[in-house]
Each structure stands twice: as structure tokens, then as C-alpha cells.
Amino acid sequence: MASKATDILSAVNDTADDTVQASVRVLDLPRNNPCAQCGEAIALPAWVEAGERRKSYLWHCRMCDYRFETIAFYAEPIDRDDALAA
């Protein structure tokens, strides 16, 4: 499942109640990742795609217009219900 980071941000900012839940929470996104080419910090990924045991992030540097992808692999399947232990 893919999600555009700007769509997630606008969905969070536009809704005051909990009726709309994004598949990727803004607080869970990696932040300030350095550009792989020029080293400039990139605030948020431009695109997020989640799979059973991985998450892919597409980064776009506005300073040098370089785009690259990072992938996080997990040993266990990703918990999608966002339930917290009591």
C-alpha cells in the first residue's frame, strides 16, 4: 500500500476528529534524512509504501533534485492495527 506523505499531512491537518485514519502516521515517518548526493537534510519522505515485512521511503532533495529510495526490512510482519499495550 502506498501513501504520499503530503496526503497524509493534509488528512491529519484537515480532520479534527478520529474518523479518518491514515495507514502511515506522520509521527512514525523518518525525518531529516540526509540526501544521498549532497547531504542536505530532507524533512519528510515524498512517498511511503508498506508491505508485509518492509517499508519503502522515496526521498526527494529540493536542493539538488536527487531522488532515492530507502527500505526498512522487518523480521516480524508489521502490526497494522496500531494497537498499544495497556
C-alpha atoms as a PDB file:
ATOM      1  CA  MET A   1       0.000   0.000   0.000  1.00  0.00           C
ATOM      2  CA  ALA A   2       1.449   3.373  -0.968  1.00  0.00           C
ATOM      3  CA  SER A   3       0.831   6.731   0.632  1.00  0.00           C
ATOM      4  CA  LYS A   4       2.016  10.156  -0.396  1.00  0.00           C
ATOM      5  CA  ALA A   5       3.475  11.957   2.619  1.00  0.00           C
ATOM      6  CA  THR A   6       1.778  15.246   1.693  1.00  0.00           C
ATOM      7  CA  ASP A   7      -1.602  13.468   1.509  1.00  0.00           C
ATOM      8  CA  ILE A   8      -1.044  12.093   4.992  1.00  0.00           C
ATOM      9  CA  LEU A   9      -0.157  15.530   6.331  1.00  0.00           C
ATOM     10  CA  SER A  10      -3.232  17.164   4.763  1.00  0.00           C
ATOM     11  CA  ALA A  11      -5.522  14.412   6.054  1.00  0.00           C
ATOM     12  CA  VAL A  12      -4.191  14.911   9.563  1.00  0.00           C
ATOM     13  CA  ASN A  13      -4.455  18.710   9.362  1.00  0.00           C
ATOM     14  CA  ASP A  14      -7.954  18.748   7.803  1.00  0.00           C
ATOM     15  CA  THR A  15      -9.685  16.464  10.299  1.00  0.00           C
ATOM     16  CA  ALA A  16     -10.308  17.332  13.927  1.00  0.00           C
ATOM     17  CA  ASP A  17     -11.866  14.006  14.891  1.00  0.00           C
ATOM     18  CA  ASP A  18     -10.575  10.434  14.743  1.00  0.00           C
ATOM     19  CA  THR A  19     -12.853   9.252  11.908  1.00  0.00           C
ATOM     20  CA  VAL A  20     -10.097   9.335   9.262  1.00  0.00           C
ATOM     21  CA  GLN A  21      -7.041   7.213   9.972  1.00  0.00           C
ATOM     22  CA  ALA A  22      -4.061   7.234   7.649  1.00  0.00           C
ATOM     23  CA  SER A  23      -2.228   3.951   7.089  1.00  0.00           C
ATOM     24  CA  VAL A  24       1.051   5.705   7.905  1.00  0.00           C
ATOM     25  CA  ARG A  25       1.082   8.120  10.812  1.00  0.00           C
ATOM     26  CA  VAL A  26       3.097  11.321  10.388  1.00  0.00           C
ATOM     27  CA  LEU A  27       4.767  10.798  13.746  1.00  0.00           C
ATOM     28  CA  ASP A  28       6.062   7.409  12.569  1.00  0.00           C
ATOM     29  CA  LEU A  29       7.753   8.796   9.442  1.00  0.00           C
ATOM     30  CA  PRO A  30      11.523   9.173   9.437  1.00  0.00           C
ATOM     31  CA  ARG A  31      12.590  12.818   9.460  1.00  0.00           C
ATOM     32  CA  ASN A  32      15.639  14.834   8.399  1.00  0.00           C
ATOM     33  CA  ASN A  33      17.198  12.063   6.350  1.00  0.00           C
ATOM     34  CA  PRO A  34      20.341  13.385   4.611  1.00  0.00           C
ATOM     35  CA  CYS A  35      20.334  13.485   0.817  1.00  0.00           C
ATOM     36  CA  ALA A  36      22.388  10.620  -0.643  1.00  0.00           C
ATOM     37  CA  GLN A  37      24.026  13.024  -3.112  1.00  0.00           C
ATOM     38  CA  CYS A  38      24.528  16.450  -1.466  1.00  0.00           C
ATOM     39  CA  GLY A  39      23.930  15.668   2.237  1.00  0.00           C
ATOM     40  CA  GLU A  40      21.161  18.272   2.723  1.00  0.00           C
ATOM     41  CA  ALA A  41      18.569  17.231   5.323  1.00  0.00           C
ATOM     42  CA  ILE A  42      15.196  16.192   3.823  1.00  0.00           C
ATOM     43  CA  ALA A  43      12.327  16.860   6.225  1.00  0.00           C
ATOM     44  CA  LEU A  44       9.950  14.018   5.230  1.00  0.00           C
ATOM     45  CA  PRO A  45       9.794  11.317   2.556  1.00  0.00           C
ATOM     46  CA  ALA A  46       7.785  12.165  -0.559  1.00  0.00           C
ATOM     47  CA  TRP A  47       6.234   8.686  -0.765  1.00  0.00           C
ATOM     48  CA  VAL A  48       5.773   5.727   1.597  1.00  0.00           C
ATOM     49  CA  GLU A  49       4.952   2.174   0.562  1.00  0.00           C
ATOM     50  CA  ALA A  50       4.339  -0.512   3.185  1.00  0.00           C
ATOM     51  CA  GLY A  51       4.454  -4.247   2.631  1.00  0.00           C
ATOM     52  CA  GLU A  52       4.144  -7.305   4.870  1.00  0.00           C
ATOM     53  CA  ARG A  53       7.709  -7.094   6.229  1.00  0.00           C
ATOM     54  CA  ARG A  54       9.057  -3.862   4.779  1.00  0.00           C
ATOM     55  CA  LYS A  55       8.526  -0.145   4.340  1.00  0.00           C
ATOM     56  CA  SER A  56       9.926   1.808   1.403  1.00  0.00           C
ATOM     57  CA  TYR A  57      10.517   5.547   1.506  1.00  0.00           C
ATOM     58  CA  LEU A  58      11.067   7.723  -1.565  1.00  0.00           C
ATOM     59  CA  TRP A  59      13.100  10.841  -0.793  1.00  0.00           C
ATOM     60  CA  HIS A  60      13.359  13.951  -2.991  1.00  0.00           C
ATOM     61  CA  CYS A  61      16.023  16.572  -2.317  1.00  0.00           C
ATOM     62  CA  ARG A  62      14.880  20.038  -3.326  1.00  0.00           C
ATOM     63  CA  MET A  63      18.429  21.404  -3.232  1.00  0.00           C
ATOM     64  CA  CYS A  64      19.939  19.131  -5.894  1.00  0.00           C
ATOM     65  CA  ASP A  65      16.744  17.448  -7.297  1.00  0.00           C
ATOM     66  CA  TYR A  66      18.107  13.982  -6.478  1.00  0.00           C
ATOM     67  CA  ARG A  67      15.631  11.188  -5.718  1.00  0.00           C
ATOM     68  CA  PHE A  68      16.443   7.972  -3.909  1.00  0.00           C
ATOM     69  CA  GLU A  69      14.729   5.182  -2.010  1.00  0.00           C
ATOM     70  CA  THR A  70      15.402   3.670   1.392  1.00  0.00           C
ATOM     71  CA  ILE A  71      13.878   0.392   2.523  1.00  0.00           C
ATOM     72  CA  ALA A  72      13.379  -0.901   6.068  1.00  0.00           C
ATOM     73  CA  PHE A  73      13.035  -4.694   6.395  1.00  0.00           C
ATOM     74  CA  TYR A  74      11.434  -6.266   9.480  1.00  0.00           C
ATOM     75  CA  ALA A  75      11.912  -9.781  10.871  1.00  0.00           C
ATOM     76  CA  GLU A  76       8.270  -9.857  12.009  1.00  0.00           C
ATOM     77  CA  PRO A  77       5.224  -8.708   9.984  1.00  0.00           C
ATOM     78  CA  ILE A  78       4.281  -5.077  10.565  1.00  0.00           C
ATOM     79  CA  ASP A  79       1.460  -4.614  13.082  1.00  0.00           C
ATOM     80  CA  ARG A  80      -1.201  -2.716  11.106  1.00  0.00           C
ATOM     81  CA  ASP A  81      -3.832  -2.157  13.798  1.00  0.00           C
ATOM     82  CA  ASP A  82      -1.663   0.389  15.675  1.00  0.00           C
ATOM     83  CA  ALA A  83      -2.817  -1.074  18.992  1.00  0.00           C
ATOM     84  CA  LEU A  84      -0.847  -0.063  22.028  1.00  0.00           C
ATOM     85  CA  ALA A  85      -0.364  -2.289  25.043  1.00  0.00           C
ATOM     86  CA  ALA A  86      -2.162  -1.128  28.178  1.00  0.00           C
END
